[in-house]
Amino acid sequence: MKNRYIPIFLLTLAALLAAVQHLAAQQPTTQPAPAPAAQQPAALPDATQAQQDQNKQYTIEKTVDEVNLIFTVTDKHGAFIPNLRQSDFALLDDGKAPERVTSFTQQVNLPLRVGVVIDASTSIRSRFQFEQQAANEFLLNILKSKRDKAFVMGFDVTPNVTADWTNNIDALETGVNRLRPGGGTALFDAVYTACRDKLLDASRGLEPVRRAMVLVSDGDDNQSRAYLDDAIKMCQRSETIVYAVSTNWTPSRGKGDAVLQKITEATGGRTFFPPSVEEVSASFASIEQELRSQYELTYKPADFKPDGAFRTIYLFANDRRYQVRARKGYFARKE
């Protein structure tokens, strides 16, 4: 009688061993990943492959700190460079290569949050009407989707929101037309306030958005309580790209133009210098084109610390014929 159960026992044992071997074959051999070399930016790894490799492992998911970086790539003539891949770029965050790139896309389709901030001081009275017309045309063209929104702020001694967040073109045009020039110029206060009170709030929703400010001014400031660095830091905290249209029509670049360039370069934007007031519309059209021709990169920084400190970003194209415009850094969250 005992011999009748031996084949069954052997079959069961063989099945058990086969199952163990199958599970063992699925378990990856874990080895510590080599730490990225400090100060040596390398070509970014392919995010898709990284995601596939991660899915092969049995891990417990948890919330991580990620940085969302939107940037523009142009040639030396300012023409946009499309169809670049993730491996065409190198990145340093706080002096180190990122731990992992989670996404890379071209032609960003995130909803827009655009603040149009117009200098309404006495110094630009003679050309103010042209600026209003160009701003209205820009708003008409930039709001392509119902998810896009904009606001209008004018400033002289104090900033004044004349149209709050909306995608209603008539309401925005009314806000632009309500502006009247007069008084001193508190440029830094206006930029600081627009980012703190409007654009910073735009980043707190459930849906990711792309934040930009279009600043129309000659760059001169004679009334602000905030300093230039205060304004730039608030732009960086709100992750806002600033584009400036200079209203200085003289051939020489002045102190105000240098101020505008400092703000735009720190935030990944650009300053336009139209040669005449009639060319302001062309500058607005270039800003619209750039906002629709950008790349988006999301990554997890290496050695991230939630200490509220400023972390620098250094992003460049491996092909040095191309120029990359991105914000110079960000403030880490603070626990």
C-alpha atoms as a PDB file:
ATOM      1  CA  MET A   1       0.000   0.000   0.000  1.00  0.00           C
ATOM      2  CA  LYS A   2       2.819   2.472   0.764  1.00  0.00           C
ATOM      3  CA  ASN A   3       4.329   2.086  -2.710  1.00  0.00           C
ATOM      4  CA  ARG A   4       1.132   3.479  -4.261  1.00  0.00           C
ATOM      5  CA  TYR A   5       1.748   6.937  -2.632  1.00  0.00           C
ATOM      6  CA  ILE A   6       5.404   7.309  -3.630  1.00  0.00           C
ATOM      7  CA  PRO A   7       4.729   8.610  -7.203  1.00  0.00           C
ATOM      8  CA  ILE A   8       2.224  11.161  -5.899  1.00  0.00           C
ATOM      9  CA  PHE A   9       4.713  12.421  -3.305  1.00  0.00           C
ATOM     10  CA  LEU A  10       7.452  12.715  -5.906  1.00  0.00           C
ATOM     11  CA  LEU A  11       5.206  14.655  -8.273  1.00  0.00           C
ATOM     12  CA  THR A  12       4.180  17.068  -5.521  1.00  0.00           C
ATOM     13  CA  LEU A  13       7.808  17.646  -4.532  1.00  0.00           C
ATOM     14  CA  ALA A  14       8.787  18.260  -8.156  1.00  0.00           C
ATOM     15  CA  ALA A  15       5.980  20.827  -8.580  1.00  0.00           C
ATOM     16  CA  LEU A  16       7.032  22.610  -5.389  1.00  0.00           C
ATOM     17  CA  LEU A  17      10.658  22.815  -6.534  1.00  0.00           C
ATOM     18  CA  ALA A  18       9.570  24.154  -9.934  1.00  0.00           C
ATOM     19  CA  ALA A  19       7.488  26.892  -8.280  1.00  0.00           C
ATOM     20  CA  VAL A  20      10.380  27.923  -6.033  1.00  0.00           C
ATOM     21  CA  GLN A  21      12.740  28.063  -9.008  1.00  0.00           C
ATOM     22  CA  HIS A  22      10.198  30.191 -10.963  1.00  0.00           C
ATOM     23  CA  LEU A  23       9.879  32.734  -8.164  1.00  0.00           C
ATOM     24  CA  ALA A  24      13.637  32.850  -7.649  1.00  0.00           C
ATOM     25  CA  ALA A  25      14.127  33.579 -11.344  1.00  0.00           C
ATOM     26  CA  GLN A  26      11.794  36.587 -11.084  1.00  0.00           C
ATOM     27  CA  GLN A  27      13.684  38.173  -8.197  1.00  0.00           C
ATOM     28  CA  PRO A  28      16.330  40.614  -9.543  1.00  0.00           C
ATOM     29  CA  THR A  29      19.842  40.514  -8.180  1.00  0.00           C
ATOM     30  CA  THR A  30      20.117  43.823  -6.342  1.00  0.00           C
ATOM     31  CA  GLN A  31      23.369  45.694  -6.456  1.00  0.00           C
ATOM     32  CA  PRO A  32      23.997  49.167  -5.117  1.00  0.00           C
ATOM     33  CA  ALA A  33      23.760  51.734  -7.888  1.00  0.00           C
ATOM     34  CA  PRO A  34      26.946  53.722  -8.420  1.00  0.00           C
ATOM     35  CA  ALA A  35      26.679  57.231  -7.023  1.00  0.00           C
ATOM     36  CA  PRO A  36      26.720  59.985  -9.661  1.00  0.00           C
ATOM     37  CA  ALA A  37      30.046  61.764  -9.853  1.00  0.00           C
ATOM     38  CA  ALA A  38      29.824  65.227  -8.324  1.00  0.00           C
ATOM     39  CA  GLN A  39      30.467  68.177 -10.636  1.00  0.00           C
ATOM     40  CA  GLN A  40      30.342  65.924 -13.738  1.00  0.00           C
ATOM     41  CA  PRO A  41      27.121  66.497 -15.708  1.00  0.00           C
ATOM     42  CA  ALA A  42      26.362  63.484 -17.850  1.00  0.00           C
ATOM     43  CA  ALA A  43      23.836  62.828 -20.574  1.00  0.00           C
ATOM     44  CA  LEU A  44      20.468  62.196 -18.999  1.00  0.00           C
ATOM     45  CA  PRO A  45      19.378  58.521 -18.963  1.00  0.00           C
ATOM     46  CA  ASP A  46      16.288  57.502 -20.852  1.00  0.00           C
ATOM     47  CA  ALA A  47      13.259  57.963 -18.561  1.00  0.00           C
ATOM     48  CA  THR A  48      11.214  55.251 -20.294  1.00  0.00           C
ATOM     49  CA  GLN A  49      13.884  52.606 -19.766  1.00  0.00           C
ATOM     50  CA  ALA A  50      14.335  53.704 -16.159  1.00  0.00           C
ATOM     51  CA  GLN A  51      10.632  53.296 -15.561  1.00  0.00           C
ATOM     52  CA  GLN A  52      10.652  49.828 -17.142  1.00  0.00           C
ATOM     53  CA  ASP A  53      13.593  48.753 -14.990  1.00  0.00           C
ATOM     54  CA  GLN A  54      11.832  50.027 -11.894  1.00  0.00           C
ATOM     55  CA  ASN A  55       8.656  48.114 -12.746  1.00  0.00           C
ATOM     56  CA  LYS A  56      10.634  44.860 -12.804  1.00  0.00           C
ATOM     57  CA  GLN A  57      11.375  45.176  -9.111  1.00  0.00           C
ATOM     58  CA  TYR A  58       9.054  44.503  -6.184  1.00  0.00           C
ATOM     59  CA  THR A  59       9.097  47.850  -4.379  1.00  0.00           C
ATOM     60  CA  ILE A  60       6.836  49.808  -2.079  1.00  0.00           C
ATOM     61  CA  GLU A  61       5.938  53.143  -3.681  1.00  0.00           C
ATOM     62  CA  LYS A  62       6.127  56.367  -1.692  1.00  0.00           C
ATOM     63  CA  THR A  63       5.824  60.065  -2.380  1.00  0.00           C
ATOM     64  CA  VAL A  64       9.117  61.634  -3.502  1.00  0.00           C
ATOM     65  CA  ASP A  65      10.274  65.193  -4.083  1.00  0.00           C
ATOM     66  CA  GLU A  66      10.350  65.924  -7.797  1.00  0.00           C
ATOM     67  CA  VAL A  67      11.341  69.023  -9.750  1.00  0.00           C
ATOM     68  CA  ASN A  68       9.382  70.096 -12.805  1.00  0.00           C
ATOM     69  CA  LEU A  69      11.555  72.081 -15.209  1.00  0.00           C
ATOM     70  CA  ILE A  70      10.220  73.811 -18.321  1.00  0.00           C
ATOM     71  CA  PHE A  71      12.818  75.151 -20.724  1.00  0.00           C
ATOM     72  CA  THR A  72      13.379  76.492 -24.235  1.00  0.00           C
ATOM     73  CA  VAL A  73      16.060  75.515 -26.750  1.00  0.00           C
ATOM     74  CA  THR A  74      17.112  77.846 -29.574  1.00  0.00           C
ATOM     75  CA  ASP A  75      19.991  78.261 -32.007  1.00  0.00           C
ATOM     76  CA  LYS A  76      22.209  81.354 -32.131  1.00  0.00           C
ATOM     77  CA  HIS A  77      19.607  83.125 -34.270  1.00  0.00           C
ATOM     78  CA  GLY A  78      16.805  82.516 -31.755  1.00  0.00           C
ATOM     79  CA  ALA A  79      15.027  79.840 -33.811  1.00  0.00           C
ATOM     80  CA  PHE A  80      13.436  77.060 -31.764  1.00  0.00           C
ATOM     81  CA  ILE A  81      14.995  73.591 -31.953  1.00  0.00           C
ATOM     82  CA  PRO A  82      12.349  70.814 -31.969  1.00  0.00           C
ATOM     83  CA  ASN A  83      12.549  67.035 -31.730  1.00  0.00           C
ATOM     84  CA  LEU A  84      15.410  66.796 -29.240  1.00  0.00           C
ATOM     85  CA  ARG A  85      15.654  63.761 -26.976  1.00  0.00           C
ATOM     86  CA  GLN A  86      16.359  63.453 -23.296  1.00  0.00           C
ATOM     87  CA  SER A  87      19.867  62.164 -23.986  1.00  0.00           C
ATOM     88  CA  ASP A  88      20.655  65.434 -25.785  1.00  0.00           C
ATOM     89  CA  PHE A  89      20.853  67.258 -22.445  1.00  0.00           C
ATOM     90  CA  ALA A  90      22.932  67.207 -19.280  1.00  0.00           C
ATOM     91  CA  LEU A  91      21.728  68.422 -15.902  1.00  0.00           C
ATOM     92  CA  LEU A  92      23.134  69.274 -12.485  1.00  0.00           C
ATOM     93  CA  ASP A  93      20.893  69.933  -9.484  1.00  0.00           C
ATOM     94  CA  ASP A  94      22.801  71.497  -6.589  1.00  0.00           C
ATOM     95  CA  GLY A  95      26.013  70.334  -8.244  1.00  0.00           C
ATOM     96  CA  LYS A  96      24.958  66.692  -8.721  1.00  0.00           C
ATOM     97  CA  ALA A  97      23.350  64.633 -11.441  1.00  0.00           C
ATOM     98  CA  PRO A  98      19.685  63.802 -10.663  1.00  0.00           C
ATOM     99  CA  GLU A  99      18.871  60.521  -8.994  1.00  0.00           C
ATOM    100  CA  ARG A 100      16.237  59.707 -11.589  1.00  0.00           C
ATOM    101  CA  VAL A 101      14.451  61.355 -14.533  1.00  0.00           C
ATOM    102  CA  THR A 102      10.763  60.489 -14.443  1.00  0.00           C
ATOM    103  CA  SER A 103       9.497  62.232 -17.580  1.00  0.00           C
ATOM    104  CA  PHE A 104      10.634  64.178 -20.619  1.00  0.00           C
ATOM    105  CA  THR A 105       8.236  65.697 -23.149  1.00  0.00           C
ATOM    106  CA  GLN A 106       8.246  68.197 -25.988  1.00  0.00           C
ATOM    107  CA  GLN A 107       5.566  70.776 -26.791  1.00  0.00           C
ATOM    108  CA  VAL A 108       4.235  71.199 -23.285  1.00  0.00           C
ATOM    109  CA  ASN A 109       0.436  71.115 -23.145  1.00  0.00           C
ATOM    110  CA  LEU A 110       0.008  72.138 -19.536  1.00  0.00           C
ATOM    111  CA  PRO A 111      -2.654  74.784 -18.872  1.00  0.00           C
ATOM    112  CA  LEU A 112      -1.252  78.322 -18.925  1.00  0.00           C
ATOM    113  CA  ARG A 113      -1.390  80.791 -16.039  1.00  0.00           C
ATOM    114  CA  VAL A 114      -0.164  84.103 -17.437  1.00  0.00           C
ATOM    115  CA  GLY A 115       0.087  87.421 -15.652  1.00  0.00           C
ATOM    116  CA  VAL A 116       0.303  90.520 -17.868  1.00  0.00           C
ATOM    117  CA  VAL A 117       2.006  93.195 -15.760  1.00  0.00           C
ATOM    118  CA  ILE A 118       2.108  96.640 -17.384  1.00  0.00           C
ATOM    119  CA  ASP A 119       4.069  99.694 -16.321  1.00  0.00           C
ATOM    120  CA  ALA A 120       1.522 102.517 -15.994  1.00  0.00           C
ATOM    121  CA  SER A 121       3.883 105.176 -14.651  1.00  0.00           C
ATOM    122  CA  THR A 122       4.290 108.651 -16.072  1.00  0.00           C
ATOM    123  CA  SER A 123       7.499 107.711 -17.898  1.00  0.00           C
ATOM    124  CA  ILE A 124       5.662 105.643 -20.526  1.00  0.00           C
ATOM    125  CA  ARG A 125       2.647 107.922 -21.087  1.00  0.00           C
ATOM    126  CA  SER A 126       3.454 108.722 -24.743  1.00  0.00           C
ATOM    127  CA  ARG A 127       3.462 105.051 -25.841  1.00  0.00           C
ATOM    128  CA  PHE A 128       0.902 103.617 -23.465  1.00  0.00           C
ATOM    129  CA  GLN A 129      -1.883 103.188 -26.010  1.00  0.00           C
ATOM    130  CA  PHE A 130       0.315 101.051 -28.264  1.00  0.00           C
ATOM    131  CA  GLU A 131       1.192  98.838 -25.312  1.00  0.00           C
ATOM    132  CA  GLN A 132      -2.468  98.364 -24.436  1.00  0.00           C
ATOM    133  CA  GLN A 133      -3.305  97.322 -27.993  1.00  0.00           C
ATOM    134  CA  ALA A 134      -0.408  94.845 -28.107  1.00  0.00           C
ATOM    135  CA  ALA A 135      -1.373  93.361 -24.718  1.00  0.00           C
ATOM    136  CA  ASN A 136      -4.978  92.847 -25.815  1.00  0.00           C
ATOM    137  CA  GLU A 137      -3.844  91.145 -29.020  1.00  0.00           C
ATOM    138  CA  PHE A 138      -1.512  88.889 -27.033  1.00  0.00           C
ATOM    139  CA  LEU A 139      -4.247  87.813 -24.627  1.00  0.00           C
ATOM    140  CA  LEU A 140      -6.586  87.070 -27.520  1.00  0.00           C
ATOM    141  CA  ASN A 141      -4.011  84.762 -29.095  1.00  0.00           C
ATOM    142  CA  ILE A 142      -2.456  83.088 -26.045  1.00  0.00           C
ATOM    143  CA  LEU A 143      -5.607  81.723 -24.386  1.00  0.00           C
ATOM    144  CA  LYS A 144      -6.208  78.718 -26.647  1.00  0.00           C
ATOM    145  CA  SER A 145      -7.962  76.436 -24.174  1.00  0.00           C
ATOM    146  CA  LYS A 146     -10.673  76.825 -21.564  1.00  0.00           C
ATOM    147  CA  ARG A 147      -8.068  75.622 -19.066  1.00  0.00           C
ATOM    148  CA  ASP A 148      -5.814  78.633 -19.801  1.00  0.00           C
ATOM    149  CA  LYS A 149      -6.230  81.694 -17.585  1.00  0.00           C
ATOM    150  CA  ALA A 150      -4.676  85.143 -17.266  1.00  0.00           C
ATOM    151  CA  PHE A 151      -4.814  88.241 -15.095  1.00  0.00           C
ATOM    152  CA  VAL A 152      -3.929  91.880 -15.731  1.00  0.00           C
ATOM    153  CA  MET A 153      -1.983  94.082 -13.337  1.00  0.00           C
ATOM    154  CA  GLY A 154      -0.921  97.680 -13.832  1.00  0.00           C
ATOM    155  CA  PHE A 155       1.526  99.510 -11.612  1.00  0.00           C
ATOM    156  CA  ASP A 156       2.897 102.937 -10.892  1.00  0.00           C
ATOM    157  CA  VAL A 157       3.611 103.631  -7.218  1.00  0.00           C
ATOM    158  CA  THR A 158       1.409 100.664  -6.272  1.00  0.00           C
ATOM    159  CA  PRO A 159       0.316  97.518  -8.151  1.00  0.00           C
ATOM    160  CA  ASN A 160      -3.340  97.261  -9.135  1.00  0.00           C
ATOM    161  CA  VAL A 161      -5.080  94.132 -10.458  1.00  0.00           C
ATOM    162  CA  THR A 162      -7.682  95.276 -12.982  1.00  0.00           C
ATOM    163  CA  ALA A 163      -8.677  91.789 -14.176  1.00  0.00           C
ATOM    164  CA  ASP A 164      -8.362  88.711 -11.967  1.00  0.00           C
ATOM    165  CA  TRP A 165      -7.796  85.121 -13.140  1.00  0.00           C
ATOM    166  CA  THR A 166     -10.112  84.396 -16.053  1.00  0.00           C
ATOM    167  CA  ASN A 167     -10.198  83.109 -19.633  1.00  0.00           C
ATOM    168  CA  ASN A 168     -12.872  85.662 -20.576  1.00  0.00           C
ATOM    169  CA  ILE A 169     -11.204  87.799 -23.246  1.00  0.00           C
ATOM    170  CA  ASP A 170     -13.680  90.667 -22.834  1.00  0.00           C
ATOM    171  CA  ALA A 171     -12.980  90.875 -19.098  1.00  0.00           C
ATOM    172  CA  LEU A 172      -9.220  90.864 -19.698  1.00  0.00           C
ATOM    173  CA  GLU A 173      -9.457  93.511 -22.415  1.00  0.00           C
ATOM    174  CA  THR A 174     -11.535  95.673 -20.093  1.00  0.00           C
ATOM    175  CA  GLY A 175      -8.836  95.258 -17.460  1.00  0.00           C
ATOM    176  CA  VAL A 176      -6.118  96.409 -19.869  1.00  0.00           C
ATOM    177  CA  ASN A 177      -8.161  99.382 -21.054  1.00  0.00           C
ATOM    178  CA  ARG A 178      -8.840 100.506 -17.466  1.00  0.00           C
ATOM    179  CA  LEU A 179      -5.142 101.232 -16.919  1.00  0.00           C
ATOM    180  CA  ARG A 180      -4.177 104.901 -16.878  1.00  0.00           C
ATOM    181  CA  PRO A 181      -0.568 106.155 -16.802  1.00  0.00           C
ATOM    182  CA  GLY A 182       0.609 108.407 -13.990  1.00  0.00           C
ATOM    183  CA  GLY A 183       2.853 108.495 -10.907  1.00  0.00           C
ATOM    184  CA  GLY A 184       6.204 106.941 -10.025  1.00  0.00           C
ATOM    185  CA  THR A 185       7.503 103.457 -10.794  1.00  0.00           C
ATOM    186  CA  ALA A 186       7.550 100.627  -8.250  1.00  0.00           C
ATOM    187  CA  LEU A 187       8.627  97.818 -10.576  1.00  0.00           C
ATOM    188  CA  PHE A 188      10.128  95.470  -7.973  1.00  0.00           C
ATOM    189  CA  ASP A 189       7.054  95.758  -5.763  1.00  0.00           C
ATOM    190  CA  ALA A 190       4.815  94.880  -8.715  1.00  0.00           C
ATOM    191  CA  VAL A 191       6.811  91.788  -9.740  1.00  0.00           C
ATOM    192  CA  TYR A 192       7.049  90.635  -6.121  1.00  0.00           C
ATOM    193  CA  THR A 193       3.322  91.129  -5.501  1.00  0.00           C
ATOM    194  CA  ALA A 194       2.220  89.485  -8.752  1.00  0.00           C
ATOM    195  CA  CYS A 195       4.231  86.357  -7.948  1.00  0.00           C
ATOM    196  CA  ARG A 196       3.350  86.207  -4.250  1.00  0.00           C
ATOM    197  CA  ASP A 197      -0.363  86.974  -4.476  1.00  0.00           C
ATOM    198  CA  LYS A 198      -1.308  85.554  -7.880  1.00  0.00           C
ATOM    199  CA  LEU A 199       1.200  83.170  -9.464  1.00  0.00           C
ATOM    200  CA  LEU A 200       2.279  81.398  -6.272  1.00  0.00           C
ATOM    201  CA  ASP A 201      -1.368  80.565  -5.575  1.00  0.00           C
ATOM    202  CA  ALA A 202      -1.680  79.168  -9.106  1.00  0.00           C
ATOM    203  CA  SER A 203       0.735  76.367  -8.173  1.00  0.00           C
ATOM    204  CA  ARG A 204      -1.402  75.049  -5.318  1.00  0.00           C
ATOM    205  CA  GLY A 205      -4.133  73.406  -7.343  1.00  0.00           C
ATOM    206  CA  LEU A 206      -4.496  69.710  -8.090  1.00  0.00           C
ATOM    207  CA  GLU A 207      -3.679  70.159 -11.781  1.00  0.00           C
ATOM    208  CA  PRO A 208      -0.104  71.063 -12.866  1.00  0.00           C
ATOM    209  CA  VAL A 209       0.074  74.385 -14.699  1.00  0.00           C
ATOM    210  CA  ARG A 210       2.696  76.446 -16.505  1.00  0.00           C
ATOM    211  CA  ARG A 211       3.193  79.884 -14.953  1.00  0.00           C
ATOM    212  CA  ALA A 212       4.500  82.907 -16.858  1.00  0.00           C
ATOM    213  CA  MET A 213       4.622  86.664 -16.445  1.00  0.00           C
ATOM    214  CA  VAL A 214       4.773  89.148 -19.301  1.00  0.00           C
ATOM    215  CA  LEU A 215       6.287  92.357 -17.967  1.00  0.00           C
ATOM    216  CA  VAL A 216       6.005  95.547 -20.037  1.00  0.00           C
ATOM    217  CA  SER A 217       8.284  98.265 -18.669  1.00  0.00           C
ATOM    218  CA  ASP A 218      11.419 100.321 -19.215  1.00  0.00           C
ATOM    219  CA  GLY A 219      12.940  98.618 -16.164  1.00  0.00           C
ATOM    220  CA  ASP A 220      13.490 101.799 -14.161  1.00  0.00           C
ATOM    221  CA  ASP A 221      12.402 101.733 -10.519  1.00  0.00           C
ATOM    222  CA  ASN A 222      12.206 104.724  -8.184  1.00  0.00           C
ATOM    223  CA  GLN A 223       9.521 103.828  -5.643  1.00  0.00           C
ATOM    224  CA  SER A 224       9.799 100.174  -4.547  1.00  0.00           C
ATOM    225  CA  ARG A 225      10.212  99.004  -0.987  1.00  0.00           C
ATOM    226  CA  ALA A 226      11.308  95.576  -2.242  1.00  0.00           C
ATOM    227  CA  TYR A 227      14.751  95.056  -3.737  1.00  0.00           C
ATOM    228  CA  LEU A 228      15.515  93.491  -7.106  1.00  0.00           C
ATOM    229  CA  ASP A 229      16.753  90.277  -5.453  1.00  0.00           C
ATOM    230  CA  ASP A 230      13.504  90.077  -3.451  1.00  0.00           C
ATOM    231  CA  ALA A 231      11.497  90.189  -6.667  1.00  0.00           C
ATOM    232  CA  ILE A 232      13.648  87.533  -8.352  1.00  0.00           C
ATOM    233  CA  LYS A 233      13.453  85.182  -5.365  1.00  0.00           C
ATOM    234  CA  MET A 234       9.670  85.438  -5.305  1.00  0.00           C
ATOM    235  CA  CYS A 235       9.563  84.622  -9.016  1.00  0.00           C
ATOM    236  CA  GLN A 236      11.655  81.525  -8.291  1.00  0.00           C
ATOM    237  CA  ARG A 237       9.483  80.503  -5.340  1.00  0.00           C
ATOM    238  CA  SER A 238       6.396  80.668  -7.544  1.00  0.00           C
ATOM    239  CA  GLU A 239       8.249  78.881 -10.379  1.00  0.00           C
ATOM    240  CA  THR A 240       7.309  81.648 -12.795  1.00  0.00           C
ATOM    241  CA  ILE A 241       9.028  82.282 -16.134  1.00  0.00           C
ATOM    242  CA  VAL A 242       9.276  86.035 -16.755  1.00  0.00           C
ATOM    243  CA  TYR A 243       9.278  87.567 -20.235  1.00  0.00           C
ATOM    244  CA  ALA A 244       9.938  91.287 -20.480  1.00  0.00           C
ATOM    245  CA  VAL A 245       9.184  93.748 -23.271  1.00  0.00           C
ATOM    246  CA  SER A 246      11.382  96.806 -22.884  1.00  0.00           C
ATOM    247  CA  THR A 247       9.789 100.168 -23.641  1.00  0.00           C
ATOM    248  CA  ASN A 248      13.171 101.860 -24.007  1.00  0.00           C
ATOM    249  CA  TRP A 249      13.257 102.790 -27.683  1.00  0.00           C
ATOM    250  CA  THR A 250      16.725 104.391 -27.632  1.00  0.00           C
ATOM    251  CA  PRO A 251      19.554 102.535 -29.455  1.00  0.00           C
ATOM    252  CA  SER A 252      21.638 102.232 -26.266  1.00  0.00           C
ATOM    253  CA  ARG A 253      20.794  99.811 -23.495  1.00  0.00           C
ATOM    254  CA  GLY A 254      20.283 101.500 -20.137  1.00  0.00           C
ATOM    255  CA  LYS A 255      20.238 100.504 -16.470  1.00  0.00           C
ATOM    256  CA  GLY A 256      16.568  99.547 -16.686  1.00  0.00           C
ATOM    257  CA  ASP A 257      17.242  97.137 -19.532  1.00  0.00           C
ATOM    258  CA  ALA A 258      19.909  95.400 -17.426  1.00  0.00           C
ATOM    259  CA  VAL A 259      17.337  95.020 -14.646  1.00  0.00           C
ATOM    260  CA  LEU A 260      14.852  93.370 -16.996  1.00  0.00           C
ATOM    261  CA  GLN A 261      17.499  90.987 -18.296  1.00  0.00           C
ATOM    262  CA  LYS A 262      18.532  89.982 -14.789  1.00  0.00           C
ATOM    263  CA  ILE A 263      14.932  89.066 -13.921  1.00  0.00           C
ATOM    264  CA  THR A 264      14.268  87.119 -17.119  1.00  0.00           C
ATOM    265  CA  GLU A 265      17.576  85.224 -17.147  1.00  0.00           C
ATOM    266  CA  ALA A 266      17.136  84.079 -13.539  1.00  0.00           C
ATOM    267  CA  THR A 267      13.689  82.650 -14.325  1.00  0.00           C
ATOM    268  CA  GLY A 268      14.386  81.067 -17.730  1.00  0.00           C
ATOM    269  CA  GLY A 269      12.632  83.789 -19.728  1.00  0.00           C
ATOM    270  CA  ARG A 270      13.805  86.397 -22.199  1.00  0.00           C
ATOM    271  CA  THR A 271      13.862  90.168 -22.650  1.00  0.00           C
ATOM    272  CA  PHE A 272      12.725  91.692 -25.923  1.00  0.00           C
ATOM    273  CA  PHE A 273      13.923  95.060 -27.179  1.00  0.00           C
ATOM    274  CA  PRO A 274      11.556  96.226 -29.936  1.00  0.00           C
ATOM    275  CA  PRO A 275      13.165  99.073 -31.923  1.00  0.00           C
ATOM    276  CA  SER A 276       9.978 101.119 -31.912  1.00  0.00           C
ATOM    277  CA  VAL A 277       6.597 101.191 -30.246  1.00  0.00           C
ATOM    278  CA  GLU A 278       5.026  99.804 -33.410  1.00  0.00           C
ATOM    279  CA  GLU A 279       7.118  96.633 -32.996  1.00  0.00           C
ATOM    280  CA  VAL A 280       5.762  95.777 -29.551  1.00  0.00           C
ATOM    281  CA  SER A 281       3.191  93.424 -31.096  1.00  0.00           C
ATOM    282  CA  ALA A 282       5.982  91.397 -32.703  1.00  0.00           C
ATOM    283  CA  SER A 283       7.574  90.897 -29.272  1.00  0.00           C
ATOM    284  CA  PHE A 284       4.291  89.647 -27.827  1.00  0.00           C
ATOM    285  CA  ALA A 285       3.948  87.247 -30.790  1.00  0.00           C
ATOM    286  CA  SER A 286       7.430  85.857 -30.072  1.00  0.00           C
ATOM    287  CA  ILE A 287       6.492  85.267 -26.438  1.00  0.00           C
ATOM    288  CA  GLU A 288       3.349  83.431 -27.524  1.00  0.00           C
ATOM    289  CA  GLN A 289       5.374  81.216 -29.856  1.00  0.00           C
ATOM    290  CA  GLU A 290       7.915  80.412 -27.159  1.00  0.00           C
ATOM    291  CA  LEU A 291       5.249  79.450 -24.628  1.00  0.00           C
ATOM    292  CA  ARG A 292       3.998  76.892 -27.169  1.00  0.00           C
ATOM    293  CA  SER A 293       7.460  75.568 -28.101  1.00  0.00           C
ATOM    294  CA  GLN A 294       9.048  74.308 -24.914  1.00  0.00           C
ATOM    295  CA  TYR A 295      10.311  71.124 -23.309  1.00  0.00           C
ATOM    296  CA  GLU A 296       9.353  69.717 -19.924  1.00  0.00           C
ATOM    297  CA  LEU A 297      11.642  67.631 -17.721  1.00  0.00           C
ATOM    298  CA  THR A 298      10.684  66.089 -14.372  1.00  0.00           C
ATOM    299  CA  TYR A 299      13.310  64.543 -12.133  1.00  0.00           C
ATOM    300  CA  LYS A 300      14.112  63.477  -8.590  1.00  0.00           C
ATOM    301  CA  PRO A 301      17.149  65.328  -7.195  1.00  0.00           C
ATOM    302  CA  ALA A 302      19.992  63.451  -5.584  1.00  0.00           C
ATOM    303  CA  ASP A 303      20.562  64.010  -1.857  1.00  0.00           C
ATOM    304  CA  PHE A 304      17.438  66.154  -1.553  1.00  0.00           C
ATOM    305  CA  LYS A 305      16.971  67.833   1.828  1.00  0.00           C
ATOM    306  CA  PRO A 306      13.656  69.507   2.788  1.00  0.00           C
ATOM    307  CA  ASP A 307      15.418  72.466   4.395  1.00  0.00           C
ATOM    308  CA  GLY A 308      13.987  75.365   2.385  1.00  0.00           C
ATOM    309  CA  ALA A 309      17.393  76.126   0.864  1.00  0.00           C
ATOM    310  CA  PHE A 310      17.946  77.393  -2.662  1.00  0.00           C
ATOM    311  CA  ARG A 311      19.190  74.678  -5.027  1.00  0.00           C
ATOM    312  CA  THR A 312      20.866  75.659  -8.285  1.00  0.00           C
ATOM    313  CA  ILE A 313      19.954  74.169 -11.650  1.00  0.00           C
ATOM    314  CA  TYR A 314      22.475  73.857 -14.483  1.00  0.00           C
ATOM    315  CA  LEU A 315      20.998  72.500 -17.709  1.00  0.00           C
ATOM    316  CA  PHE A 316      22.676  72.563 -21.102  1.00  0.00           C
ATOM    317  CA  ALA A 317      22.512  70.888 -24.502  1.00  0.00           C
ATOM    318  CA  ASN A 318      25.321  68.527 -25.396  1.00  0.00           C
ATOM    319  CA  ASP A 319      25.387  70.191 -28.800  1.00  0.00           C
ATOM    320  CA  ARG A 320      26.877  73.546 -27.881  1.00  0.00           C
ATOM    321  CA  ARG A 321      25.367  75.205 -30.940  1.00  0.00           C
ATOM    322  CA  TYR A 322      22.085  75.248 -29.013  1.00  0.00           C
ATOM    323  CA  GLN A 323      21.177  77.590 -26.189  1.00  0.00           C
ATOM    324  CA  VAL A 324      19.019  76.361 -23.308  1.00  0.00           C
ATOM    325  CA  ARG A 325      16.973  78.835 -21.283  1.00  0.00           C
ATOM    326  CA  ALA A 326      15.783  77.490 -17.930  1.00  0.00           C
ATOM    327  CA  ARG A 327      15.377  78.883 -14.437  1.00  0.00           C
ATOM    328  CA  LYS A 328      18.600  79.044 -12.473  1.00  0.00           C
ATOM    329  CA  GLY A 329      17.261  77.189  -9.446  1.00  0.00           C
ATOM    330  CA  TYR A 330      14.434  76.683  -6.962  1.00  0.00           C
ATOM    331  CA  PHE A 331      13.715  76.706  -3.258  1.00  0.00           C
ATOM    332  CA  ALA A 332      13.346  73.265  -1.705  1.00  0.00           C
ATOM    333  CA  ARG A 333      10.265  72.621   0.355  1.00  0.00           C
ATOM    334  CA  LYS A 334      10.717  72.952   4.095  1.00  0.00           C
ATOM    335  CA  GLU A 335       9.406  70.525   6.682  1.00  0.00           C
END
